[in-house]
């Protein structure tokens, strides 16, 4: 019986949005302070407009802009589309979703990688095209799983609503750096003392405007944990669609290439802030998931991947 998946925010996506609340409230304060001199008679106008602007996360043009500008992706060539489109259609057919909902993009990279962006983008690296077609289809199923679980949409919403608070902190940091450089360039004790006082004042203002920075040591590891859980959830969605055995082959390949060894050598802080779980953990979780058999590819087994 075909598995049917519907788009909905799962626990990982909801957790990410909840963890964003302190930063979003700081953004609301920043927008209010910026808008008050412009519309003193209607101080509510700028905050309301900013909140409504969140609809940008649901526009197709936003997905394309992020794919091109932020993630440095490009549209696939005809030969790349010939490989990827049938595989994506097979995944979507298995999940009972419209394949026209998604857009394929390519990352020029020698490392096997894939990503889901916004609400529609499914990206793969040029190196991933060297995978056997059935394994590549499993990778696409994992990325579609992110979309079906609402992970990418939640991340985009969080990024947009956190932007004013983060820009305010970056501006304060840049000003502070400039003040310190100016004090050092003057090479006098009064100039250095003055620059330090000004930097301390900027730090106080930055914290007052964006108090979320005080919670960053707590929020950052929790967001990383949420991201790792989202990866496991996308694996589970792919497994529920019947791609578990194929995804295991890909993960075992990555583990054999030494991905977990590099991770083990990282410090505790790096592991706590890692956005992806280890291959070993992902493999273990997939073995715990007993789902439907591997899907049939409907005659697409003969497809040959394009060499990276």
C-alpha atoms as a PDB file:
ATOM      1  CA  UNK A   1       0.000   0.000   0.000  1.00  0.00           C
ATOM      2  CA  UNK A   2       1.405   3.387  -0.986  1.00  0.00           C
ATOM      3  CA  UNK A   3       2.488   5.643   1.859  1.00  0.00           C
ATOM      4  CA  UNK A   4       0.883   9.060   1.795  1.00  0.00           C
ATOM      5  CA  UNK A   5       2.685  11.984   3.351  1.00  0.00           C
ATOM      6  CA  UNK A   6       1.145  15.363   3.966  1.00  0.00           C
ATOM      7  CA  UNK A   7       2.960  18.595   4.651  1.00  0.00           C
ATOM      8  CA  UNK A   8       2.878  19.506   8.317  1.00  0.00           C
ATOM      9  CA  UNK A   9       5.233  20.996  10.886  1.00  0.00           C
ATOM     10  CA  UNK A  10       6.528  18.160  13.018  1.00  0.00           C
ATOM     11  CA  UNK A  11       8.011  18.491  16.498  1.00  0.00           C
ATOM     12  CA  UNK A  12      11.473  19.468  15.221  1.00  0.00           C
ATOM     13  CA  UNK A  13      10.060  22.345  13.184  1.00  0.00           C
ATOM     14  CA  UNK A  14       7.854  23.527  16.052  1.00  0.00           C
ATOM     15  CA  UNK A  15      10.800  23.335  18.470  1.00  0.00           C
ATOM     16  CA  UNK A  16      12.907  25.478  16.147  1.00  0.00           C
ATOM     17  CA  UNK A  17      10.190  28.127  15.998  1.00  0.00           C
ATOM     18  CA  UNK A  18       9.791  28.131  19.782  1.00  0.00           C
ATOM     19  CA  UNK A  19      13.545  28.535  20.282  1.00  0.00           C
ATOM     20  CA  UNK A  20      13.414  31.555  17.983  1.00  0.00           C
ATOM     21  CA  UNK A  21      10.947  33.430  20.224  1.00  0.00           C
ATOM     22  CA  UNK A  22      13.593  35.394  22.250  1.00  0.00           C
ATOM     23  CA  UNK A  23      15.359  36.555  19.090  1.00  0.00           C
ATOM     24  CA  UNK A  24      12.085  37.392  17.337  1.00  0.00           C
ATOM     25  CA  UNK A  25      10.993  39.498  20.315  1.00  0.00           C
ATOM     26  CA  UNK A  26      14.315  41.337  20.102  1.00  0.00           C
ATOM     27  CA  UNK A  27      13.681  41.885  16.387  1.00  0.00           C
ATOM     28  CA  UNK A  28      10.268  43.285  17.229  1.00  0.00           C
ATOM     29  CA  UNK A  29      11.893  45.760  19.601  1.00  0.00           C
ATOM     30  CA  UNK A  30      14.456  46.796  16.965  1.00  0.00           C
ATOM     31  CA  UNK A  31      11.770  47.347  14.323  1.00  0.00           C
ATOM     32  CA  UNK A  32       9.652  49.325  16.809  1.00  0.00           C
ATOM     33  CA  UNK A  33      12.566  51.596  17.716  1.00  0.00           C
ATOM     34  CA  UNK A  34      13.389  52.174  14.053  1.00  0.00           C
ATOM     35  CA  UNK A  35       9.809  52.899  13.102  1.00  0.00           C
ATOM     36  CA  UNK A  36       8.917  55.191  15.978  1.00  0.00           C
ATOM     37  CA  UNK A  37      10.719  58.315  14.605  1.00  0.00           C
ATOM     38  CA  UNK A  38       9.201  57.683  11.167  1.00  0.00           C
ATOM     39  CA  UNK A  39       5.594  57.209  12.299  1.00  0.00           C
ATOM     40  CA  UNK A  40       5.401  58.752  15.801  1.00  0.00           C
ATOM     41  CA  UNK A  41       1.606  58.851  15.644  1.00  0.00           C
ATOM     42  CA  UNK A  42       1.377  55.166  14.735  1.00  0.00           C
ATOM     43  CA  UNK A  43       4.222  53.325  16.529  1.00  0.00           C
ATOM     44  CA  UNK A  44       2.468  50.032  15.849  1.00  0.00           C
ATOM     45  CA  UNK A  45       2.709  50.367  12.058  1.00  0.00           C
ATOM     46  CA  UNK A  46       6.288  49.197  11.491  1.00  0.00           C
ATOM     47  CA  UNK A  47       6.017  46.146  13.811  1.00  0.00           C
ATOM     48  CA  UNK A  48       2.757  45.069  12.155  1.00  0.00           C
ATOM     49  CA  UNK A  49       4.186  45.490   8.656  1.00  0.00           C
ATOM     50  CA  UNK A  50       7.254  43.535   9.667  1.00  0.00           C
ATOM     51  CA  UNK A  51       5.175  40.679  11.080  1.00  0.00           C
ATOM     52  CA  UNK A  52       3.056  40.579   7.927  1.00  0.00           C
ATOM     53  CA  UNK A  53       6.222  40.520   5.838  1.00  0.00           C
ATOM     54  CA  UNK A  54       6.725  36.924   6.971  1.00  0.00           C
ATOM     55  CA  UNK A  55       4.607  35.962   3.966  1.00  0.00           C
ATOM     56  CA  UNK A  56       7.831  36.354   1.988  1.00  0.00           C
ATOM     57  CA  UNK A  57       8.828  32.920   3.282  1.00  0.00           C
ATOM     58  CA  UNK A  58       5.990  31.396   1.258  1.00  0.00           C
ATOM     59  CA  UNK A  59       6.786  33.048  -2.089  1.00  0.00           C
ATOM     60  CA  UNK A  60       8.440  30.905  -4.796  1.00  0.00           C
ATOM     61  CA  UNK A  61      10.759  33.767  -5.736  1.00  0.00           C
ATOM     62  CA  UNK A  62      12.220  33.684  -2.223  1.00  0.00           C
ATOM     63  CA  UNK A  63      13.239  30.048  -2.598  1.00  0.00           C
ATOM     64  CA  UNK A  64      15.008  30.784  -5.865  1.00  0.00           C
ATOM     65  CA  UNK A  65      16.753  33.835  -4.455  1.00  0.00           C
ATOM     66  CA  UNK A  66      18.021  31.903  -1.427  1.00  0.00           C
ATOM     67  CA  UNK A  67      19.179  29.001  -3.586  1.00  0.00           C
ATOM     68  CA  UNK A  68      21.139  31.319  -5.876  1.00  0.00           C
ATOM     69  CA  UNK A  69      22.399  34.038  -3.532  1.00  0.00           C
ATOM     70  CA  UNK A  70      22.861  32.241  -0.208  1.00  0.00           C
ATOM     71  CA  UNK A  71      23.567  28.627  -1.127  1.00  0.00           C
ATOM     72  CA  UNK A  72      25.297  29.316  -4.470  1.00  0.00           C
ATOM     73  CA  UNK A  73      23.155  26.819  -6.364  1.00  0.00           C
ATOM     74  CA  UNK A  74      22.434  26.804 -10.070  1.00  0.00           C
ATOM     75  CA  UNK A  75      19.737  25.303 -12.243  1.00  0.00           C
ATOM     76  CA  UNK A  76      20.539  21.845 -13.655  1.00  0.00           C
ATOM     77  CA  UNK A  77      21.752  21.307 -17.180  1.00  0.00           C
ATOM     78  CA  UNK A  78      19.583  19.228 -19.548  1.00  0.00           C
ATOM     79  CA  UNK A  79      21.726  16.143 -18.908  1.00  0.00           C
ATOM     80  CA  UNK A  80      21.503  16.645 -15.134  1.00  0.00           C
ATOM     81  CA  UNK A  81      17.741  17.113 -15.379  1.00  0.00           C
ATOM     82  CA  UNK A  82      17.520  13.904 -17.380  1.00  0.00           C
ATOM     83  CA  UNK A  83      18.992  12.083 -14.400  1.00  0.00           C
ATOM     84  CA  UNK A  84      17.255  13.907 -11.556  1.00  0.00           C
ATOM     85  CA  UNK A  85      13.731  14.629 -12.774  1.00  0.00           C
ATOM     86  CA  UNK A  86      12.621  10.970 -13.120  1.00  0.00           C
ATOM     87  CA  UNK A  87      14.075  10.164  -9.708  1.00  0.00           C
ATOM     88  CA  UNK A  88      12.301  13.094  -8.045  1.00  0.00           C
ATOM     89  CA  UNK A  89       9.070  12.136  -9.791  1.00  0.00           C
ATOM     90  CA  UNK A  90       9.434   8.605  -8.459  1.00  0.00           C
ATOM     91  CA  UNK A  91       9.911   9.909  -4.893  1.00  0.00           C
ATOM     92  CA  UNK A  92       6.908  12.212  -5.181  1.00  0.00           C
ATOM     93  CA  UNK A  93       4.782   9.444  -6.690  1.00  0.00           C
ATOM     94  CA  UNK A  94       5.659   7.213  -3.747  1.00  0.00           C
ATOM     95  CA  UNK A  95       4.796  10.014  -1.308  1.00  0.00           C
ATOM     96  CA  UNK A  96       1.617  10.930  -3.236  1.00  0.00           C
ATOM     97  CA  UNK A  97       2.685  14.549  -3.706  1.00  0.00           C
ATOM     98  CA  UNK A  98       2.858  16.653  -6.864  1.00  0.00           C
ATOM     99  CA  UNK A  99       6.452  16.702  -8.197  1.00  0.00           C
ATOM    100  CA  UNK A 100       5.760  20.124  -9.751  1.00  0.00           C
ATOM    101  CA  UNK A 101       5.826  21.485  -6.219  1.00  0.00           C
ATOM    102  CA  UNK A 102       9.612  21.163  -6.096  1.00  0.00           C
ATOM    103  CA  UNK A 103      12.462  22.744  -8.051  1.00  0.00           C
ATOM    104  CA  UNK A 104      15.779  21.008  -8.637  1.00  0.00           C
ATOM    105  CA  UNK A 105      19.014  22.944  -8.174  1.00  0.00           C
ATOM    106  CA  UNK A 106      22.682  21.963  -8.386  1.00  0.00           C
ATOM    107  CA  UNK A 107      25.627  22.733  -6.103  1.00  0.00           C
ATOM    108  CA  UNK A 108      29.029  22.681  -7.773  1.00  0.00           C
ATOM    109  CA  UNK A 109      30.928  20.566  -5.262  1.00  0.00           C
ATOM    110  CA  UNK A 110      33.237  17.561  -5.221  1.00  0.00           C
ATOM    111  CA  UNK A 111      31.604  16.347  -2.004  1.00  0.00           C
ATOM    112  CA  UNK A 112      28.447  14.267  -2.030  1.00  0.00           C
ATOM    113  CA  UNK A 113      25.811  16.560  -0.573  1.00  0.00           C
ATOM    114  CA  UNK A 114      22.152  17.478  -0.851  1.00  0.00           C
ATOM    115  CA  UNK A 115      19.922  20.106   0.712  1.00  0.00           C
ATOM    116  CA  UNK A 116      16.363  21.306   1.030  1.00  0.00           C
ATOM    117  CA  UNK A 117      15.798  25.070   0.892  1.00  0.00           C
ATOM    118  CA  UNK A 118      12.668  27.096   1.615  1.00  0.00           C
ATOM    119  CA  UNK A 119       9.490  25.336   0.633  1.00  0.00           C
ATOM    120  CA  UNK A 120      10.345  24.061  -2.832  1.00  0.00           C
ATOM    121  CA  UNK A 121      14.071  23.717  -3.541  1.00  0.00           C
ATOM    122  CA  UNK A 122      15.747  20.308  -3.623  1.00  0.00           C
ATOM    123  CA  UNK A 123      19.458  20.692  -4.260  1.00  0.00           C
ATOM    124  CA  UNK A 124      22.148  18.102  -4.893  1.00  0.00           C
ATOM    125  CA  UNK A 125      25.877  18.446  -5.476  1.00  0.00           C
ATOM    126  CA  UNK A 126      27.518  17.517  -8.757  1.00  0.00           C
ATOM    127  CA  UNK A 127      29.373  14.787  -6.858  1.00  0.00           C
ATOM    128  CA  UNK A 128      26.052  13.286  -5.713  1.00  0.00           C
ATOM    129  CA  UNK A 129      25.186  12.652  -9.360  1.00  0.00           C
ATOM    130  CA  UNK A 130      27.864   9.956  -9.345  1.00  0.00           C
ATOM    131  CA  UNK A 131      25.803   7.879  -6.911  1.00  0.00           C
ATOM    132  CA  UNK A 132      23.922   4.876  -8.274  1.00  0.00           C
ATOM    133  CA  UNK A 133      20.441   6.045  -9.357  1.00  0.00           C
ATOM    134  CA  UNK A 134      18.634   4.126  -6.619  1.00  0.00           C
ATOM    135  CA  UNK A 135      20.871   5.630  -3.903  1.00  0.00           C
ATOM    136  CA  UNK A 136      20.479   9.106  -5.400  1.00  0.00           C
ATOM    137  CA  UNK A 137      16.716   8.641  -5.292  1.00  0.00           C
ATOM    138  CA  UNK A 138      16.976   7.800  -1.582  1.00  0.00           C
ATOM    139  CA  UNK A 139      18.950  11.021  -1.020  1.00  0.00           C
ATOM    140  CA  UNK A 140      16.207  12.974  -2.802  1.00  0.00           C
ATOM    141  CA  UNK A 141      13.620  11.227  -0.610  1.00  0.00           C
ATOM    142  CA  UNK A 142      15.475  12.455   2.485  1.00  0.00           C
ATOM    143  CA  UNK A 143      15.371  16.051   1.207  1.00  0.00           C
ATOM    144  CA  UNK A 144      11.704  15.789   0.281  1.00  0.00           C
ATOM    145  CA  UNK A 145      11.200  14.464   3.809  1.00  0.00           C
ATOM    146  CA  UNK A 146      12.513  17.780   5.151  1.00  0.00           C
ATOM    147  CA  UNK A 147       9.927  19.634   3.074  1.00  0.00           C
ATOM    148  CA  UNK A 148       7.086  17.325   4.093  1.00  0.00           C
ATOM    149  CA  UNK A 149       7.982  17.749   7.778  1.00  0.00           C
ATOM    150  CA  UNK A 150       8.094  21.546   7.502  1.00  0.00           C
ATOM    151  CA  UNK A 151      11.745  21.826   8.558  1.00  0.00           C
ATOM    152  CA  UNK A 152      12.846  24.127   5.755  1.00  0.00           C
ATOM    153  CA  UNK A 153       9.840  26.419   6.039  1.00  0.00           C
ATOM    154  CA  UNK A 154      10.369  26.777   9.781  1.00  0.00           C
ATOM    155  CA  UNK A 155      14.053  27.568   9.261  1.00  0.00           C
ATOM    156  CA  UNK A 156      13.200  30.216   6.673  1.00  0.00           C
ATOM    157  CA  UNK A 157      10.617  31.839   8.930  1.00  0.00           C
ATOM    158  CA  UNK A 158      13.057  31.846  11.822  1.00  0.00           C
ATOM    159  CA  UNK A 159      15.803  33.371   9.689  1.00  0.00           C
ATOM    160  CA  UNK A 160      13.545  36.133   8.405  1.00  0.00           C
ATOM    161  CA  UNK A 161      12.057  37.127  11.764  1.00  0.00           C
ATOM    162  CA  UNK A 162      15.454  37.012  13.479  1.00  0.00           C
ATOM    163  CA  UNK A 163      17.095  39.213  10.852  1.00  0.00           C
ATOM    164  CA  UNK A 164      16.580  42.656  12.497  1.00  0.00           C
ATOM    165  CA  UNK A 165      17.968  41.493  15.852  1.00  0.00           C
ATOM    166  CA  UNK A 166      20.972  39.822  14.240  1.00  0.00           C
ATOM    167  CA  UNK A 167      21.691  42.853  12.041  1.00  0.00           C
ATOM    168  CA  UNK A 168      21.539  45.120  15.102  1.00  0.00           C
ATOM    169  CA  UNK A 169      24.146  43.001  16.884  1.00  0.00           C
ATOM    170  CA  UNK A 170      26.353  42.846  13.770  1.00  0.00           C
ATOM    171  CA  UNK A 171      26.141  46.631  13.426  1.00  0.00           C
ATOM    172  CA  UNK A 172      27.118  47.114  17.070  1.00  0.00           C
ATOM    173  CA  UNK A 173      30.016  44.682  16.610  1.00  0.00           C
ATOM    174  CA  UNK A 174      31.213  46.490  13.469  1.00  0.00           C
ATOM    175  CA  UNK A 175      31.026  49.874  15.181  1.00  0.00           C
ATOM    176  CA  UNK A 176      32.879  48.511  18.204  1.00  0.00           C
ATOM    177  CA  UNK A 177      35.601  47.054  16.007  1.00  0.00           C
ATOM    178  CA  UNK A 178      35.945  50.374  14.202  1.00  0.00           C
ATOM    179  CA  UNK A 179      36.212  52.292  17.469  1.00  0.00           C
ATOM    180  CA  UNK A 180      38.922  49.931  18.768  1.00  0.00           C
ATOM    181  CA  UNK A 181      40.865  50.225  15.514  1.00  0.00           C
ATOM    182  CA  UNK A 182      40.659  54.018  15.676  1.00  0.00           C
ATOM    183  CA  UNK A 183      41.869  54.022  19.278  1.00  0.00           C
ATOM    184  CA  UNK A 184      44.763  51.727  18.402  1.00  0.00           C
ATOM    185  CA  UNK A 185      45.689  53.889  15.403  1.00  0.00           C
ATOM    186  CA  UNK A 186      45.969  57.043  17.569  1.00  0.00           C
ATOM    187  CA  UNK A 187      48.418  55.208  19.864  1.00  0.00           C
ATOM    188  CA  UNK A 188      47.669  57.334  22.920  1.00  0.00           C
ATOM    189  CA  UNK A 189      46.468  56.201  26.313  1.00  0.00           C
ATOM    190  CA  UNK A 190      43.445  58.574  26.404  1.00  0.00           C
ATOM    191  CA  UNK A 191      42.383  57.387  22.945  1.00  0.00           C
ATOM    192  CA  UNK A 192      42.586  53.734  24.008  1.00  0.00           C
ATOM    193  CA  UNK A 193      40.651  54.348  27.209  1.00  0.00           C
ATOM    194  CA  UNK A 194      38.010  56.331  25.310  1.00  0.00           C
ATOM    195  CA  UNK A 195      37.649  53.593  22.705  1.00  0.00           C
ATOM    196  CA  UNK A 196      37.216  50.937  25.395  1.00  0.00           C
ATOM    197  CA  UNK A 197      34.553  53.026  27.130  1.00  0.00           C
ATOM    198  CA  UNK A 198      32.709  53.525  23.831  1.00  0.00           C
ATOM    199  CA  UNK A 199      32.876  49.802  23.057  1.00  0.00           C
ATOM    200  CA  UNK A 200      31.491  48.986  26.504  1.00  0.00           C
ATOM    201  CA  UNK A 201      28.668  51.479  25.906  1.00  0.00           C
ATOM    202  CA  UNK A 202      27.927  49.887  22.504  1.00  0.00           C
ATOM    203  CA  UNK A 203      27.834  46.456  24.133  1.00  0.00           C
ATOM    204  CA  UNK A 204      25.319  47.674  26.705  1.00  0.00           C
ATOM    205  CA  UNK A 205      23.145  49.210  23.979  1.00  0.00           C
ATOM    206  CA  UNK A 206      23.358  46.045  21.866  1.00  0.00           C
ATOM    207  CA  UNK A 207      22.268  43.859  24.794  1.00  0.00           C
ATOM    208  CA  UNK A 208      19.474  46.296  25.682  1.00  0.00           C
ATOM    209  CA  UNK A 209      18.153  46.257  22.123  1.00  0.00           C
ATOM    210  CA  UNK A 210      18.818  42.559  21.491  1.00  0.00           C
ATOM    211  CA  UNK A 211      18.755  40.797  24.879  1.00  0.00           C
ATOM    212  CA  UNK A 212      18.595  37.436  23.100  1.00  0.00           C
ATOM    213  CA  UNK A 213      22.408  37.462  22.886  1.00  0.00           C
ATOM    214  CA  UNK A 214      22.509  36.684  26.611  1.00  0.00           C
ATOM    215  CA  UNK A 215      20.661  33.441  25.880  1.00  0.00           C
ATOM    216  CA  UNK A 216      22.876  32.490  22.933  1.00  0.00           C
ATOM    217  CA  UNK A 217      24.989  29.976  24.937  1.00  0.00           C
ATOM    218  CA  UNK A 218      21.769  28.089  25.652  1.00  0.00           C
ATOM    219  CA  UNK A 219      19.860  28.651  22.416  1.00  0.00           C
ATOM    220  CA  UNK A 220      22.679  27.687  20.037  1.00  0.00           C
ATOM    221  CA  UNK A 221      23.177  24.108  21.355  1.00  0.00           C
ATOM    222  CA  UNK A 222      19.419  23.582  21.522  1.00  0.00           C
ATOM    223  CA  UNK A 223      18.990  24.754  17.926  1.00  0.00           C
ATOM    224  CA  UNK A 224      21.783  22.384  16.879  1.00  0.00           C
ATOM    225  CA  UNK A 225      20.041  19.542  18.724  1.00  0.00           C
ATOM    226  CA  UNK A 226      16.795  20.429  16.945  1.00  0.00           C
ATOM    227  CA  UNK A 227      18.614  20.366  13.609  1.00  0.00           C
ATOM    228  CA  UNK A 228      20.035  16.914  14.338  1.00  0.00           C
ATOM    229  CA  UNK A 229      16.580  15.650  15.275  1.00  0.00           C
ATOM    230  CA  UNK A 230      15.234  17.101  12.027  1.00  0.00           C
ATOM    231  CA  UNK A 231      17.827  15.087  10.077  1.00  0.00           C
ATOM    232  CA  UNK A 232      16.771  11.904  11.855  1.00  0.00           C
ATOM    233  CA  UNK A 233      13.139  12.760  11.160  1.00  0.00           C
ATOM    234  CA  UNK A 234      13.845  13.253   7.437  1.00  0.00           C
ATOM    235  CA  UNK A 235      15.601   9.879   7.438  1.00  0.00           C
ATOM    236  CA  UNK A 236      12.518   8.366   9.026  1.00  0.00           C
ATOM    237  CA  UNK A 237      10.217   9.912   6.426  1.00  0.00           C
ATOM    238  CA  UNK A 238      12.404   8.487   3.661  1.00  0.00           C
ATOM    239  CA  UNK A 239      12.343   5.083   5.375  1.00  0.00           C
ATOM    240  CA  UNK A 240       8.563   5.206   5.730  1.00  0.00           C
ATOM    241  CA  UNK A 241       8.391   5.748   1.979  1.00  0.00           C
ATOM    242  CA  UNK A 242      10.447   2.581   1.494  1.00  0.00           C
ATOM    243  CA  UNK A 243      13.894   4.091   0.968  1.00  0.00           C
ATOM    244  CA  UNK A 244      15.427   2.881   4.239  1.00  0.00           C
ATOM    245  CA  UNK A 245      17.722   0.186   2.757  1.00  0.00           C
ATOM    246  CA  UNK A 246      18.975   2.533   0.031  1.00  0.00           C
ATOM    247  CA  UNK A 247      19.597   5.356   2.486  1.00  0.00           C
ATOM    248  CA  UNK A 248      21.527   2.921   4.685  1.00  0.00           C
ATOM    249  CA  UNK A 249      23.825   2.180   1.750  1.00  0.00           C
ATOM    250  CA  UNK A 250      24.575   5.900   1.331  1.00  0.00           C
ATOM    251  CA  UNK A 251      25.195   6.434   5.049  1.00  0.00           C
ATOM    252  CA  UNK A 252      27.445   3.398   5.288  1.00  0.00           C
ATOM    253  CA  UNK A 253      29.423   4.734   2.343  1.00  0.00           C
ATOM    254  CA  UNK A 254      29.875   8.087   4.101  1.00  0.00           C
ATOM    255  CA  UNK A 255      30.939   6.345   7.301  1.00  0.00           C
ATOM    256  CA  UNK A 256      33.460   4.242   5.391  1.00  0.00           C
ATOM    257  CA  UNK A 257      34.875   7.448   3.909  1.00  0.00           C
ATOM    258  CA  UNK A 258      35.751   8.618   7.420  1.00  0.00           C
ATOM    259  CA  UNK A 259      33.043  11.191   8.173  1.00  0.00           C
ATOM    260  CA  UNK A 260      32.537   9.857  11.695  1.00  0.00           C
ATOM    261  CA  UNK A 261      36.289   9.753  12.340  1.00  0.00           C
ATOM    262  CA  UNK A 262      36.592  13.474  11.644  1.00  0.00           C
ATOM    263  CA  UNK A 263      33.581  14.111  13.850  1.00  0.00           C
ATOM    264  CA  UNK A 264      35.057  12.088  16.731  1.00  0.00           C
ATOM    265  CA  UNK A 265      38.223  14.185  16.600  1.00  0.00           C
ATOM    266  CA  UNK A 266      36.245  17.403  17.013  1.00  0.00           C
ATOM    267  CA  UNK A 267      35.932  18.916  20.457  1.00  0.00           C
ATOM    268  CA  UNK A 268      32.887  18.687  22.684  1.00  0.00           C
ATOM    269  CA  UNK A 269      31.725  22.176  21.708  1.00  0.00           C
ATOM    270  CA  UNK A 270      31.914  21.343  18.000  1.00  0.00           C
ATOM    271  CA  UNK A 271      29.892  18.169  18.528  1.00  0.00           C
ATOM    272  CA  UNK A 272      27.276  20.048  20.553  1.00  0.00           C
ATOM    273  CA  UNK A 273      26.893  22.631  17.778  1.00  0.00           C
ATOM    274  CA  UNK A 274      26.894  20.100  14.919  1.00  0.00           C
ATOM    275  CA  UNK A 275      23.834  20.442  12.689  1.00  0.00           C
ATOM    276  CA  UNK A 276      23.905  16.778  11.597  1.00  0.00           C
ATOM    277  CA  UNK A 277      24.046  13.585  13.668  1.00  0.00           C
ATOM    278  CA  UNK A 278      26.831  11.102  13.038  1.00  0.00           C
ATOM    279  CA  UNK A 279      26.425   8.514  10.306  1.00  0.00           C
ATOM    280  CA  UNK A 280      26.562   5.827  12.977  1.00  0.00           C
ATOM    281  CA  UNK A 281      23.627   7.364  14.843  1.00  0.00           C
ATOM    282  CA  UNK A 282      21.616   7.777  11.649  1.00  0.00           C
ATOM    283  CA  UNK A 283      22.299   4.172  10.672  1.00  0.00           C
ATOM    284  CA  UNK A 284      21.283   2.968  14.141  1.00  0.00           C
ATOM    285  CA  UNK A 285      18.013   4.923  13.989  1.00  0.00           C
ATOM    286  CA  UNK A 286      17.220   3.590  10.529  1.00  0.00           C
ATOM    287  CA  UNK A 287      17.757   0.013  11.716  1.00  0.00           C
ATOM    288  CA  UNK A 288      15.199   0.717  14.436  1.00  0.00           C
ATOM    289  CA  UNK A 289      12.679   1.773  11.788  1.00  0.00           C
ATOM    290  CA  UNK A 290      10.961  -1.237  10.281  1.00  0.00           C
ATOM    291  CA  UNK A 291       8.869   0.049   7.376  1.00  0.00           C
ATOM    292  CA  UNK A 292       7.483  -0.853   3.994  1.00  0.00           C
ATOM    293  CA  UNK A 293       9.677  -2.604   1.403  1.00  0.00           C
ATOM    294  CA  UNK A 294      11.866  -0.735  -1.041  1.00  0.00           C
ATOM    295  CA  UNK A 295       9.766   0.994  -3.747  1.00  0.00           C
ATOM    296  CA  UNK A 296       9.791  -0.107  -7.358  1.00  0.00           C
ATOM    297  CA  UNK A 297      11.285   2.405  -9.741  1.00  0.00           C
ATOM    298  CA  UNK A 298       9.008   1.646 -12.652  1.00  0.00           C
ATOM    299  CA  UNK A 299      11.663   0.934 -15.259  1.00  0.00           C
ATOM    300  CA  UNK A 300      13.957   3.774 -14.246  1.00  0.00           C
ATOM    301  CA  UNK A 301      16.728   1.472 -13.028  1.00  0.00           C
ATOM    302  CA  UNK A 302      18.571   1.876 -16.333  1.00  0.00           C
ATOM    303  CA  UNK A 303      19.232   5.587 -15.801  1.00  0.00           C
ATOM    304  CA  UNK A 304      22.934   6.400 -15.756  1.00  0.00           C
ATOM    305  CA  UNK A 305      24.129   9.232 -13.506  1.00  0.00           C
ATOM    306  CA  UNK A 306      26.079  12.111 -14.992  1.00  0.00           C
ATOM    307  CA  UNK A 307      29.717  12.117 -13.948  1.00  0.00           C
ATOM    308  CA  UNK A 308      30.693  14.968 -11.638  1.00  0.00           C
END
